[in-house]
Each structure stands twice: as structure tokens, then as C-alpha cells.
PDB file of all heavy atoms in Angstrom:
ATOM      1  N   TRP A   1       0.832  -1.202   0.000  1.00  0.00           N
ATOM      2  CA  TRP A   1       0.000   0.000   0.000  1.00  0.00           C
ATOM      3  C   TRP A   1       0.872   1.259   0.000  1.00  0.00           C
ATOM      4  O   TRP A   1       0.615   2.216  -0.735  1.00  0.00           O
ATOM      5  CB  TRP A   1      -0.908  -0.019   1.216  1.00  0.00           C
ATOM      6  CG  TRP A   1      -2.080   0.908   1.164  1.00  0.00           C
ATOM      7  CD1 TRP A   1      -2.292   1.923   0.282  1.00  0.00           C
ATOM      8  CD2 TRP A   1      -3.212   0.895   2.037  1.00  0.00           C
ATOM      9  NE1 TRP A   1      -3.480   2.564   0.554  1.00  0.00           N
ATOM     10  CE2 TRP A   1      -4.073   1.950   1.632  1.00  0.00           C
ATOM     11  CE3 TRP A   1      -3.581   0.120   3.128  1.00  0.00           C
ATOM     12  CZ2 TRP A   1      -5.270   2.229   2.283  1.00  0.00           C
ATOM     13  CZ3 TRP A   1      -4.775   0.399   3.765  1.00  0.00           C
ATOM     14  CH2 TRP A   1      -5.611   1.431   3.348  1.00  0.00           C
ATOM     15  N   LEU A   2       1.919   1.246   0.801  1.00  0.00           N
ATOM     16  CA  LEU A   2       2.817   2.398   0.839  1.00  0.00           C
ATOM     17  C   LEU A   2       3.523   2.585  -0.506  1.00  0.00           C
ATOM     18  O   LEU A   2       3.668   3.708  -1.001  1.00  0.00           O
ATOM     19  CB  LEU A   2       3.842   2.233   1.958  1.00  0.00           C
ATOM     20  CG  LEU A   2       3.272   2.328   3.381  1.00  0.00           C
ATOM     21  CD1 LEU A   2       4.334   1.930   4.394  1.00  0.00           C
ATOM     22  CD2 LEU A   2       2.762   3.734   3.666  1.00  0.00           C
ATOM     23  N   LYS A   3       3.970   1.478  -1.107  1.00  0.00           N
ATOM     24  CA  LYS A   3       4.636   1.579  -2.410  1.00  0.00           C
ATOM     25  C   LYS A   3       3.667   2.067  -3.479  1.00  0.00           C
ATOM     26  O   LYS A   3       4.030   2.897  -4.333  1.00  0.00           O
ATOM     27  CB  LYS A   3       5.220   0.223  -2.806  1.00  0.00           C
ATOM     28  CG  LYS A   3       6.007   0.246  -4.117  1.00  0.00           C
ATOM     29  CD  LYS A   3       7.209   1.172  -4.021  1.00  0.00           C
ATOM     30  CE  LYS A   3       8.042   1.116  -5.297  1.00  0.00           C
ATOM     31  NZ  LYS A   3       9.238   1.999  -5.211  1.00  0.00           N
ATOM     32  N   ALA A   4       2.437   1.564  -3.449  1.00  0.00           N
ATOM     33  CA  ALA A   4       1.440   2.023  -4.416  1.00  0.00           C
ATOM     34  C   ALA A   4       1.212   3.525  -4.285  1.00  0.00           C
ATOM     35  O   ALA A   4       1.125   4.244  -5.289  1.00  0.00           O
ATOM     36  CB  ALA A   4       0.127   1.263  -4.207  1.00  0.00           C
ATOM     37  N   THR A   5       1.149   4.010  -3.051  1.00  0.00           N
ATOM     38  CA  THR A   5       0.970   5.445  -2.825  1.00  0.00           C
ATOM     39  C   THR A   5       2.143   6.236  -3.392  1.00  0.00           C
ATOM     40  O   THR A   5       1.961   7.281  -4.017  1.00  0.00           O
ATOM     41  CB  THR A   5       0.819   5.726  -1.318  1.00  0.00           C
ATOM     42  OG1 THR A   5      -0.289   4.976  -0.811  1.00  0.00           O
ATOM     43  CG2 THR A   5       0.581   7.206  -1.055  1.00  0.00           C
ATOM     44  N   ALA A   6       3.361   5.721  -3.183  1.00  0.00           N
ATOM     45  CA  ALA A   6       4.551   6.388  -3.709  1.00  0.00           C
ATOM     46  C   ALA A   6       4.559   6.418  -5.233  1.00  0.00           C
ATOM     47  O   ALA A   6       5.156   7.322  -5.839  1.00  0.00           O
ATOM     48  CB  ALA A   6       5.810   5.695  -3.192  1.00  0.00           C
ATOM     49  N   LEU A   7       3.885   5.446  -5.862  1.00  0.00           N
ATOM     50  CA  LEU A   7       3.801   5.390  -7.327  1.00  0.00           C
ATOM     51  C   LEU A   7       2.572   6.123  -7.863  1.00  0.00           C
ATOM     52  O   LEU A   7       2.263   6.021  -9.054  1.00  0.00           O
ATOM     53  CB  LEU A   7       3.758   3.927  -7.780  1.00  0.00           C
ATOM     54  CG  LEU A   7       5.041   3.115  -7.566  1.00  0.00           C
ATOM     55  CD1 LEU A   7       4.794   1.642  -7.883  1.00  0.00           C
ATOM     56  CD2 LEU A   7       6.174   3.657  -8.438  1.00  0.00           C
ATOM     57  N   ASN A   8       1.859   6.842  -6.989  1.00  0.00           N
ATOM     58  CA  ASN A   8       0.631   7.550  -7.379  1.00  0.00           C
ATOM     59  C   ASN A   8      -0.453   6.596  -7.872  1.00  0.00           C
ATOM     60  O   ASN A   8      -1.247   6.932  -8.756  1.00  0.00           O
ATOM     61  CB  ASN A   8       0.935   8.616  -8.438  1.00  0.00           C
ATOM     62  CG  ASN A   8       1.852   9.695  -7.910  1.00  0.00           C
ATOM     63  OD1 ASN A   8       1.613  10.262  -6.839  1.00  0.00           O
ATOM     64  ND2 ASN A   8       2.920   9.984  -8.644  1.00  0.00           N
ATOM     65  N   LEU A   9      -0.483   5.406  -7.282  1.00  0.00           N
ATOM     66  CA  LEU A   9      -1.550   4.448  -7.533  1.00  0.00           C
ATOM     67  C   LEU A   9      -2.492   4.438  -6.337  1.00  0.00           C
ATOM     68  O   LEU A   9      -2.093   4.744  -5.210  1.00  0.00           O
ATOM     69  CB  LEU A   9      -0.983   3.037  -7.734  1.00  0.00           C
ATOM     70  CG  LEU A   9      -0.172   2.791  -9.003  1.00  0.00           C
ATOM     71  CD1 LEU A   9       0.506   1.435  -8.942  1.00  0.00           C
ATOM     72  CD2 LEU A   9      -1.079   2.869 -10.236  1.00  0.00           C
ATOM     73  N   ASP A  10      -3.741   4.064  -6.586  1.00  0.00           N
ATOM     74  CA  ASP A  10      -4.712   3.929  -5.507  1.00  0.00           C
ATOM     75  C   ASP A  10      -4.901   2.453  -5.179  1.00  0.00           C
ATOM     76  O   ASP A  10      -4.592   1.560  -5.984  1.00  0.00           O
ATOM     77  CB  ASP A  10      -6.021   4.602  -5.896  1.00  0.00           C
ATOM     78  CG  ASP A  10      -5.866   6.117  -5.967  1.00  0.00           C
ATOM     79  OD1 ASP A  10      -5.587   6.732  -4.923  1.00  0.00           O
ATOM     80  OD2 ASP A  10      -5.986   6.680  -7.079  1.00  0.00           O
ATOM     81  N   PHE A  11      -5.456   2.197  -3.988  1.00  0.00           N
ATOM     82  CA  PHE A  11      -5.358   0.870  -3.384  1.00  0.00           C
ATOM     83  C   PHE A  11      -6.641   0.558  -2.626  1.00  0.00           C
ATOM     84  O   PHE A  11      -7.232   1.425  -2.001  1.00  0.00           O
ATOM     85  CB  PHE A  11      -4.172   0.887  -2.414  1.00  0.00           C
ATOM     86  CG  PHE A  11      -3.649  -0.439  -1.962  1.00  0.00           C
ATOM     87  CD1 PHE A  11      -2.603  -1.050  -2.631  1.00  0.00           C
ATOM     88  CD2 PHE A  11      -4.158  -1.061  -0.832  1.00  0.00           C
ATOM     89  CE1 PHE A  11      -2.079  -2.255  -2.189  1.00  0.00           C
ATOM     90  CE2 PHE A  11      -3.646  -2.267  -0.381  1.00  0.00           C
ATOM     91  CZ  PHE A  11      -2.599  -2.864  -1.061  1.00  0.00           C
ATOM     92  N   ASN A  12      -7.055  -0.698  -2.699  1.00  0.00           N
ATOM     93  CA  ASN A  12      -8.193  -1.153  -1.910  1.00  0.00           C
ATOM     94  C   ASN A  12      -7.904  -2.557  -1.392  1.00  0.00           C
ATOM     95  O   ASN A  12      -7.392  -3.408  -2.132  1.00  0.00           O
ATOM     96  CB  ASN A  12      -9.474  -1.169  -2.753  1.00  0.00           C
ATOM     97  CG  ASN A  12     -10.707  -1.494  -1.926  1.00  0.00           C
ATOM     98  OD1 ASN A  12     -10.933  -2.628  -1.546  1.00  0.00           O
ATOM     99  ND2 ASN A  12     -11.515  -0.485  -1.668  1.00  0.00           N
ATOM    100  N   LEU A  13      -8.226  -2.788  -0.134  1.00  0.00           N
ATOM    101  CA  LEU A  13      -8.074  -4.114   0.459  1.00  0.00           C
ATOM    102  C   LEU A  13      -9.338  -4.938   0.229  1.00  0.00           C
ATOM    103  O   LEU A  13     -10.446  -4.441   0.403  1.00  0.00           O
ATOM    104  CB  LEU A  13      -7.824  -3.996   1.967  1.00  0.00           C
ATOM    105  CG  LEU A  13      -6.499  -3.358   2.379  1.00  0.00           C
ATOM    106  CD1 LEU A  13      -6.517  -3.048   3.875  1.00  0.00           C
ATOM    107  CD2 LEU A  13      -5.330  -4.270   2.049  1.00  0.00           C
ATOM    108  N   ILE A  14      -9.169  -6.194  -0.141  1.00  0.00           N
ATOM    109  CA  ILE A  14     -10.307  -7.098  -0.353  1.00  0.00           C
ATOM    110  C   ILE A  14     -10.330  -8.081   0.818  1.00  0.00           C
ATOM    111  O   ILE A  14      -9.922  -9.243   0.713  1.00  0.00           O
ATOM    112  CB  ILE A  14     -10.199  -7.826  -1.710  1.00  0.00           C
ATOM    113  CG1 ILE A  14      -9.947  -6.826  -2.826  1.00  0.00           C
ATOM    114  CG2 ILE A  14     -11.484  -8.613  -1.993  1.00  0.00           C
ATOM    115  CD1 ILE A  14     -11.049  -5.791  -2.992  1.00  0.00           C
ATOM    116  N   SER A  15     -10.793  -7.611   1.958  1.00  0.00           N
ATOM    117  CA  SER A  15     -10.740  -8.390   3.195  1.00  0.00           C
ATOM    118  C   SER A  15     -11.548  -9.690   3.163  1.00  0.00           C
ATOM    119  O   SER A  15     -11.153 -10.658   3.832  1.00  0.00           O
ATOM    120  CB  SER A  15     -11.208  -7.526   4.371  1.00  0.00           C
ATOM    121  OG  SER A  15     -10.352  -6.411   4.530  1.00  0.00           O
ATOM    122  N   PRO A  16     -12.684  -9.787   2.440  1.00  0.00           N
ATOM    123  CA  PRO A  16     -13.417 -11.057   2.440  1.00  0.00           C
ATOM    124  C   PRO A  16     -12.602 -12.251   1.976  1.00  0.00           C
ATOM    125  O   PRO A  16     -12.935 -13.395   2.309  1.00  0.00           O
ATOM    126  CB  PRO A  16     -14.585 -10.776   1.477  1.00  0.00           C
ATOM    127  CG  PRO A  16     -14.794  -9.309   1.555  1.00  0.00           C
ATOM    128  CD  PRO A  16     -13.417  -8.729   1.707  1.00  0.00           C
ATOM    129  N   VAL A  17     -11.532 -12.012   1.233  1.00  0.00           N
ATOM    130  CA  VAL A  17     -10.694 -13.114   0.749  1.00  0.00           C
ATOM    131  C   VAL A  17     -10.041 -13.856   1.919  1.00  0.00           C
ATOM    132  O   VAL A  17      -9.696 -15.029   1.799  1.00  0.00           O
ATOM    133  CB  VAL A  17      -9.640 -12.571  -0.245  1.00  0.00           C
ATOM    134  CG1 VAL A  17      -8.628 -13.626  -0.623  1.00  0.00           C
ATOM    135  CG2 VAL A  17     -10.332 -12.050  -1.501  1.00  0.00           C
ATOM    136  N   GLU A  18      -9.904 -13.184   3.072  1.00  0.00           N
ATOM    137  CA  GLU A  18      -9.320 -13.845   4.235  1.00  0.00           C
ATOM    138  C   GLU A  18     -10.068 -15.109   4.630  1.00  0.00           C
ATOM    139  O   GLU A  18      -9.477 -16.044   5.180  1.00  0.00           O
ATOM    140  CB  GLU A  18      -9.312 -12.891   5.432  1.00  0.00           C
ATOM    141  CG  GLU A  18      -8.269 -11.814   5.384  1.00  0.00           C
ATOM    142  CD  GLU A  18      -8.261 -11.007   6.670  1.00  0.00           C
ATOM    143  OE1 GLU A  18      -9.306 -10.452   7.044  1.00  0.00           O
ATOM    144  OE2 GLU A  18      -7.197 -10.944   7.311  1.00  0.00           O
ATOM    145  N   SER A  19     -11.366 -15.137   4.377  1.00  0.00           N
ATOM    146  CA  SER A  19     -12.179 -16.268   4.819  1.00  0.00           C
ATOM    147  C   SER A  19     -12.233 -17.411   3.806  1.00  0.00           C
ATOM    148  O   SER A  19     -13.003 -18.360   3.982  1.00  0.00           O
ATOM    149  CB  SER A  19     -13.606 -15.790   5.127  1.00  0.00           C
ATOM    150  OG  SER A  19     -14.225 -15.283   3.961  1.00  0.00           O
ATOM    151  N   MET A  20     -11.410 -17.351   2.751  1.00  0.00           N
ATOM    152  CA  MET A  20     -11.455 -18.369   1.694  1.00  0.00           C
ATOM    153  C   MET A  20     -10.486 -19.522   1.937  1.00  0.00           C
ATOM    154  O   MET A  20     -10.274 -20.359   1.052  1.00  0.00           O
ATOM    155  CB  MET A  20     -11.156 -17.717   0.341  1.00  0.00           C
ATOM    156  CG  MET A  20     -12.008 -16.513   0.009  1.00  0.00           C
ATOM    157  SD  MET A  20     -13.773 -16.864  -0.057  1.00  0.00           S
ATOM    158  CE  MET A  20     -13.916 -17.574  -1.680  1.00  0.00           C
ATOM    159  N   VAL A  21      -9.906 -19.596   3.128  1.00  0.00           N
ATOM    160  CA  VAL A  21      -8.874 -20.595   3.436  1.00  0.00           C
ATOM    161  C   VAL A  21      -9.330 -22.009   3.110  1.00  0.00           C
ATOM    162  O   VAL A  21      -8.584 -22.801   2.511  1.00  0.00           O
ATOM    163  CB  VAL A  21      -8.465 -20.495   4.921  1.00  0.00           C
ATOM    164  CG1 VAL A  21      -7.510 -21.617   5.291  1.00  0.00           C
ATOM    165  CG2 VAL A  21      -7.839 -19.148   5.212  1.00  0.00           C
ATOM    166  N   ASP A  22     -10.545 -22.360   3.509  1.00  0.00           N
ATOM    167  CA  ASP A  22     -11.051 -23.726   3.331  1.00  0.00           C
ATOM    168  C   ASP A  22     -12.006 -23.847   2.151  1.00  0.00           C
ATOM    169  O   ASP A  22     -12.661 -24.892   2.006  1.00  0.00           O
ATOM    170  CB  ASP A  22     -11.754 -24.172   4.618  1.00  0.00           C
ATOM    171  CG  ASP A  22     -10.808 -24.253   5.797  1.00  0.00           C
ATOM    172  OD1 ASP A  22      -9.740 -24.887   5.662  1.00  0.00           O
ATOM    173  OD2 ASP A  22     -11.125 -23.677   6.858  1.00  0.00           O
ATOM    174  N   ASN A  23     -12.084 -22.824   1.333  1.00  0.00           N
ATOM    175  CA  ASN A  23     -12.973 -22.853   0.172  1.00  0.00           C
ATOM    176  C   ASN A  23     -12.245 -23.553  -0.981  1.00  0.00           C
ATOM    177  O   ASN A  23     -11.398 -22.969  -1.651  1.00  0.00           O
ATOM    178  CB  ASN A  23     -13.365 -21.424  -0.212  1.00  0.00           C
ATOM    179  CG  ASN A  23     -14.461 -21.371  -1.253  1.00  0.00           C
ATOM    180  OD1 ASN A  23     -14.360 -21.985  -2.302  1.00  0.00           O
ATOM    181  ND2 ASN A  23     -15.515 -20.615  -0.963  1.00  0.00           N
ATOM    182  N   ALA A  24     -12.589 -24.824  -1.193  1.00  0.00           N
ATOM    183  CA  ALA A  24     -11.859 -25.646  -2.167  1.00  0.00           C
ATOM    184  C   ALA A  24     -11.954 -25.078  -3.580  1.00  0.00           C
ATOM    185  O   ALA A  24     -10.980 -25.115  -4.344  1.00  0.00           O
ATOM    186  CB  ALA A  24     -12.386 -27.086  -2.129  1.00  0.00           C
ATOM    187  N   ALA A  25     -13.120 -24.555  -3.952  1.00  0.00           N
ATOM    188  CA  ALA A  25     -13.292 -24.011  -5.305  1.00  0.00           C
ATOM    189  C   ALA A  25     -12.391 -22.805  -5.517  1.00  0.00           C
ATOM    190  O   ALA A  25     -11.781 -22.649  -6.578  1.00  0.00           O
ATOM    191  CB  ALA A  25     -14.751 -23.646  -5.543  1.00  0.00           C
ATOM    192  N   PHE A  26     -12.304 -21.933  -4.501  1.00  0.00           N
ATOM    193  CA  PHE A  26     -11.436 -20.756  -4.604  1.00  0.00           C
ATOM    194  C   PHE A  26      -9.977 -21.173  -4.674  1.00  0.00           C
ATOM    195  O   PHE A  26      -9.215 -20.693  -5.529  1.00  0.00           O
ATOM    196  CB  PHE A  26     -11.677 -19.841  -3.409  1.00  0.00           C
ATOM    197  CG  PHE A  26     -10.883 -18.565  -3.434  1.00  0.00           C
ATOM    198  CD1 PHE A  26     -11.332 -17.460  -4.142  1.00  0.00           C
ATOM    199  CD2 PHE A  26      -9.676 -18.457  -2.758  1.00  0.00           C
ATOM    200  CE1 PHE A  26     -10.604 -16.279  -4.176  1.00  0.00           C
ATOM    201  CE2 PHE A  26      -8.942 -17.281  -2.769  1.00  0.00           C
ATOM    202  CZ  PHE A  26      -9.406 -16.191  -3.482  1.00  0.00           C
ATOM    203  N   CYS A  27      -9.564 -22.055  -3.785  1.00  0.00           N
ATOM    204  CA  CYS A  27      -8.168 -22.492  -3.768  1.00  0.00           C
ATOM    205  C   CYS A  27      -7.760 -23.147  -5.086  1.00  0.00           C
ATOM    206  O   CYS A  27      -6.638 -22.948  -5.564  1.00  0.00           O
ATOM    207  CB  CYS A  27      -7.933 -23.463  -2.605  1.00  0.00           C
ATOM    208  SG  CYS A  27      -8.133 -22.728  -0.955  1.00  0.00           S
ATOM    209  N   SER A  28      -8.684 -23.902  -5.679  1.00  0.00           N
ATOM    210  CA  SER A  28      -8.354 -24.605  -6.923  1.00  0.00           C
ATOM    211  C   SER A  28      -8.115 -23.646  -8.087  1.00  0.00           C
ATOM    212  O   SER A  28      -7.410 -23.990  -9.044  1.00  0.00           O
ATOM    213  CB  SER A  28      -9.469 -25.586  -7.279  1.00  0.00           C
ATOM    214  OG  SER A  28     -10.654 -24.901  -7.645  1.00  0.00           O
ATOM    215  N   LEU A  29      -8.687 -22.443  -8.020  1.00  0.00           N
ATOM    216  CA  LEU A  29      -8.436 -21.454  -9.078  1.00  0.00           C
ATOM    217  C   LEU A  29      -6.949 -21.141  -9.190  1.00  0.00           C
ATOM    218  O   LEU A  29      -6.458 -20.773 -10.260  1.00  0.00           O
ATOM    219  CB  LEU A  29      -9.207 -20.161  -8.788  1.00  0.00           C
ATOM    220  CG  LEU A  29     -10.731 -20.204  -8.873  1.00  0.00           C
ATOM    221  CD1 LEU A  29     -11.297 -18.835  -8.512  1.00  0.00           C
ATOM    222  CD2 LEU A  29     -11.193 -20.621 -10.257  1.00  0.00           C
ATOM    223  N   PHE A  30      -6.241 -21.267  -8.082  1.00  0.00           N
ATOM    224  CA  PHE A  30      -4.826 -20.915  -8.032  1.00  0.00           C
ATOM    225  C   PHE A  30      -3.918 -22.139  -7.899  1.00  0.00           C
ATOM    226  O   PHE A  30      -2.719 -22.006  -7.653  1.00  0.00           O
ATOM    227  CB  PHE A  30      -4.586 -19.938  -6.874  1.00  0.00           C
ATOM    228  CG  PHE A  30      -5.500 -18.756  -6.894  1.00  0.00           C
ATOM    229  CD1 PHE A  30      -6.580 -18.677  -6.023  1.00  0.00           C
ATOM    230  CD2 PHE A  30      -5.323 -17.731  -7.811  1.00  0.00           C
ATOM    231  CE1 PHE A  30      -7.443 -17.603  -6.052  1.00  0.00           C
ATOM    232  CE2 PHE A  30      -6.182 -16.651  -7.851  1.00  0.00           C
ATOM    233  CZ  PHE A  30      -7.245 -16.588  -6.968  1.00  0.00           C
ATOM    234  N   GLY A  31      -4.515 -23.321  -8.047  1.00  0.00           N
ATOM    235  CA  GLY A  31      -3.730 -24.548  -7.986  1.00  0.00           C
ATOM    236  C   GLY A  31      -3.203 -24.865  -6.601  1.00  0.00           C
ATOM    237  O   GLY A  31      -2.151 -25.500  -6.463  1.00  0.00           O
ATOM    238  N   LEU A  32      -3.935 -24.451  -5.554  1.00  0.00           N
ATOM    239  CA  LEU A  32      -3.494 -24.648  -4.176  1.00  0.00           C
ATOM    240  C   LEU A  32      -4.468 -25.555  -3.430  1.00  0.00           C
ATOM    241  O   LEU A  32      -5.667 -25.519  -3.690  1.00  0.00           O
ATOM    242  CB  LEU A  32      -3.388 -23.305  -3.448  1.00  0.00           C
ATOM    243  CG  LEU A  32      -2.404 -22.292  -4.032  1.00  0.00           C
ATOM    244  CD1 LEU A  32      -2.518 -20.963  -3.285  1.00  0.00           C
ATOM    245  CD2 LEU A  32      -0.967 -22.818  -3.970  1.00  0.00           C
ATOM    246  N   PRO A  33      -3.975 -26.357  -2.492  1.00  0.00           N
ATOM    247  CA  PRO A  33      -4.864 -27.206  -1.700  1.00  0.00           C
ATOM    248  C   PRO A  33      -5.631 -26.390  -0.672  1.00  0.00           C
ATOM    249  O   PRO A  33      -5.123 -25.406  -0.126  1.00  0.00           O
ATOM    250  CB  PRO A  33      -3.897 -28.182  -1.021  1.00  0.00           C
ATOM    251  CG  PRO A  33      -2.609 -27.423  -0.912  1.00  0.00           C
ATOM    252  CD  PRO A  33      -2.544 -26.557  -2.150  1.00  0.00           C
ATOM    253  N   ALA A  34      -6.854 -26.788  -0.397  1.00  0.00           N
ATOM    254  CA  ALA A  34      -7.672 -26.090   0.585  1.00  0.00           C
ATOM    255  C   ALA A  34      -7.107 -26.288   1.986  1.00  0.00           C
ATOM    256  O   ALA A  34      -6.580 -27.350   2.321  1.00  0.00           O
ATOM    257  CB  ALA A  34      -9.111 -26.590   0.521  1.00  0.00           C
ATOM    258  N   GLY A  35      -7.201 -25.241   2.790  1.00  0.00           N
ATOM    259  CA  GLY A  35      -6.815 -25.322   4.182  1.00  0.00           C
ATOM    260  C   GLY A  35      -5.351 -25.112   4.483  1.00  0.00           C
ATOM    261  O   GLY A  35      -4.968 -25.004   5.651  1.00  0.00           O
ATOM    262  N   ARG A  36      -4.515 -25.029   3.464  1.00  0.00           N
ATOM    263  CA  ARG A  36      -3.066 -24.938   3.688  1.00  0.00           C
ATOM    264  C   ARG A  36      -2.516 -23.522   3.542  1.00  0.00           C
ATOM    265  O   ARG A  36      -1.410 -23.249   4.000  1.00  0.00           O
ATOM    266  CB  ARG A  36      -2.331 -25.863   2.706  1.00  0.00           C
ATOM    267  CG  ARG A  36      -2.705 -27.340   2.841  1.00  0.00           C
ATOM    268  CD  ARG A  36      -2.311 -27.889   4.192  1.00  0.00           C
ATOM    269  NE  ARG A  36      -2.629 -29.290   4.336  1.00  0.00           N
ATOM    270  CZ  ARG A  36      -1.798 -30.288   4.012  1.00  0.00           C
ATOM    271  NH1 ARG A  36      -0.614 -30.006   3.492  1.00  0.00           N
ATOM    272  NH2 ARG A  36      -2.159 -31.535   4.177  1.00  0.00           N
ATOM    273  N   TYR A  37      -3.274 -22.635   2.901  1.00  0.00           N
ATOM    274  CA  TYR A  37      -2.779 -21.277   2.632  1.00  0.00           C
ATOM    275  C   TYR A  37      -3.773 -20.237   3.153  1.00  0.00           C
ATOM    276  O   TYR A  37      -4.988 -20.392   3.013  1.00  0.00           O
ATOM    277  CB  TYR A  37      -2.569 -21.057   1.129  1.00  0.00           C
ATOM    278  CG  TYR A  37      -1.375 -21.805   0.583  1.00  0.00           C
ATOM    279  CD1 TYR A  37      -1.473 -23.150   0.247  1.00  0.00           C
ATOM    280  CD2 TYR A  37      -0.148 -21.167   0.423  1.00  0.00           C
ATOM    281  CE1 TYR A  37      -0.369 -23.844  -0.241  1.00  0.00           C
ATOM    282  CE2 TYR A  37       0.962 -21.858  -0.060  1.00  0.00           C
ATOM    283  CZ  TYR A  37       0.840 -23.191  -0.382  1.00  0.00           C
ATOM    284  OH  TYR A  37       1.931 -23.880  -0.857  1.00  0.00           O
ATOM    285  N   GLY A  38      -3.243 -19.197   3.755  1.00  0.00           N
ATOM    286  CA  GLY A  38      -4.043 -18.043   4.094  1.00  0.00           C
ATOM    287  C   GLY A  38      -4.067 -17.071   2.919  1.00  0.00           C
ATOM    288  O   GLY A  38      -3.117 -17.013   2.131  1.00  0.00           O
ATOM    289  N   PHE A  39      -5.150 -16.307   2.796  1.00  0.00           N
ATOM    290  CA  PHE A  39      -5.329 -15.417   1.655  1.00  0.00           C
ATOM    291  C   PHE A  39      -5.614 -13.979   2.097  1.00  0.00           C
ATOM    292  O   PHE A  39      -6.173 -13.730   3.157  1.00  0.00           O
ATOM    293  CB  PHE A  39      -6.500 -15.873   0.780  1.00  0.00           C
ATOM    294  CG  PHE A  39      -6.284 -17.175   0.082  1.00  0.00           C
ATOM    295  CD1 PHE A  39      -6.805 -18.353   0.611  1.00  0.00           C
ATOM    296  CD2 PHE A  39      -5.561 -17.236  -1.102  1.00  0.00           C
ATOM    297  CE1 PHE A  39      -6.616 -19.566  -0.037  1.00  0.00           C
ATOM    298  CE2 PHE A  39      -5.364 -18.446  -1.756  1.00  0.00           C
ATOM    299  CZ  PHE A  39      -5.893 -19.619  -1.217  1.00  0.00           C
ATOM    300  N   HIS A  40      -5.216 -13.071   1.259  1.00  0.00           N
ATOM    301  CA  HIS A  40      -5.697 -11.689   1.302  1.00  0.00           C
ATOM    302  C   HIS A  40      -5.564 -11.164  -0.126  1.00  0.00           C
ATOM    303  O   HIS A  40      -5.016 -11.859  -0.994  1.00  0.00           O
ATOM    304  CB  HIS A  40      -4.910 -10.828   2.285  1.00  0.00           C
ATOM    305  CG  HIS A  40      -5.756  -9.788   2.952  1.00  0.00           C
ATOM    306  ND1 HIS A  40      -6.522  -8.880   2.243  1.00  0.00           N
ATOM    307  CD2 HIS A  40      -5.967  -9.508   4.266  1.00  0.00           C
ATOM    308  CE1 HIS A  40      -7.167  -8.105   3.080  1.00  0.00           C
ATOM    309  NE2 HIS A  40      -6.860  -8.453   4.319  1.00  0.00           N
ATOM    310  N   ALA A  41      -6.087  -9.983  -0.381  1.00  0.00           N
ATOM    311  CA  ALA A  41      -6.047  -9.458  -1.749  1.00  0.00           C
ATOM    312  C   ALA A  41      -6.177  -7.950  -1.727  1.00  0.00           C
ATOM    313  O   ALA A  41      -6.607  -7.349  -0.744  1.00  0.00           O
ATOM    314  CB  ALA A  41      -7.165 -10.069  -2.592  1.00  0.00           C
ATOM    315  N   CYS A  42      -5.788  -7.342  -2.834  1.00  0.00           N
ATOM    316  CA  CYS A  42      -5.897  -5.893  -2.979  1.00  0.00           C
ATOM    317  C   CYS A  42      -6.180  -5.547  -4.436  1.00  0.00           C
ATOM    318  O   CYS A  42      -5.954  -6.351  -5.342  1.00  0.00           O
ATOM    319  CB  CYS A  42      -4.619  -5.199  -2.501  1.00  0.00           C
ATOM    320  SG  CYS A  42      -3.136  -5.615  -3.461  1.00  0.00           S
ATOM    321  N   ILE A  43      -6.682  -4.337  -4.620  1.00  0.00           N
ATOM    322  CA  ILE A  43      -6.917  -3.780  -5.953  1.00  0.00           C
ATOM    323  C   ILE A  43      -5.961  -2.619  -6.158  1.00  0.00           C
ATOM    324  O   ILE A  43      -5.791  -1.765  -5.278  1.00  0.00           O
ATOM    325  CB  ILE A  43      -8.360  -3.267  -6.102  1.00  0.00           C
ATOM    326  CG1 ILE A  43      -9.372  -4.377  -5.846  1.00  0.00           C
ATOM    327  CG2 ILE A  43      -8.573  -2.646  -7.483  1.00  0.00           C
ATOM    328  CD1 ILE A  43      -9.441  -5.430  -6.899  1.00  0.00           C
ATOM    329  N   LEU A  44      -5.333  -2.580  -7.325  1.00  0.00           N
ATOM    330  CA  LEU A  44      -4.509  -1.442  -7.736  1.00  0.00           C
ATOM    331  C   LEU A  44      -5.202  -0.727  -8.890  1.00  0.00           C
ATOM    332  O   LEU A  44      -5.785  -1.368  -9.759  1.00  0.00           O
ATOM    333  CB  LEU A  44      -3.134  -1.905  -8.216  1.00  0.00           C
ATOM    334  CG  LEU A  44      -2.140  -2.480  -7.215  1.00  0.00           C
ATOM    335  CD1 LEU A  44      -0.852  -2.825  -7.944  1.00  0.00           C
ATOM    336  CD2 LEU A  44      -1.879  -1.502  -6.092  1.00  0.00           C
TER     337      LEU A  44
END
């Protein structure tokens, strides 16, 4: 977020992604097993 600000980019946090840890369909989009990875996301 700080780097984006320094580059004159705007930023948004996608906090609902935090709860996708055990969502098998979501994890499979990225080729990852469910339950093994924590998630977060942002928009630039």
C-alpha cells in the first residue's frame, strides 16, 4: 500500500478473501490445496 501510494496508484483491500482458506473451489483457481494457505487481496 505504501509503495502504491509512492507510485501515485490507488489501493483497496479485499478483506473477504481472508475467509477463503477452506474454500476448495477458490483455492483450486490458483492450484493450491484447501486449508493450507491463508489469503488476502488488494486492488490497484
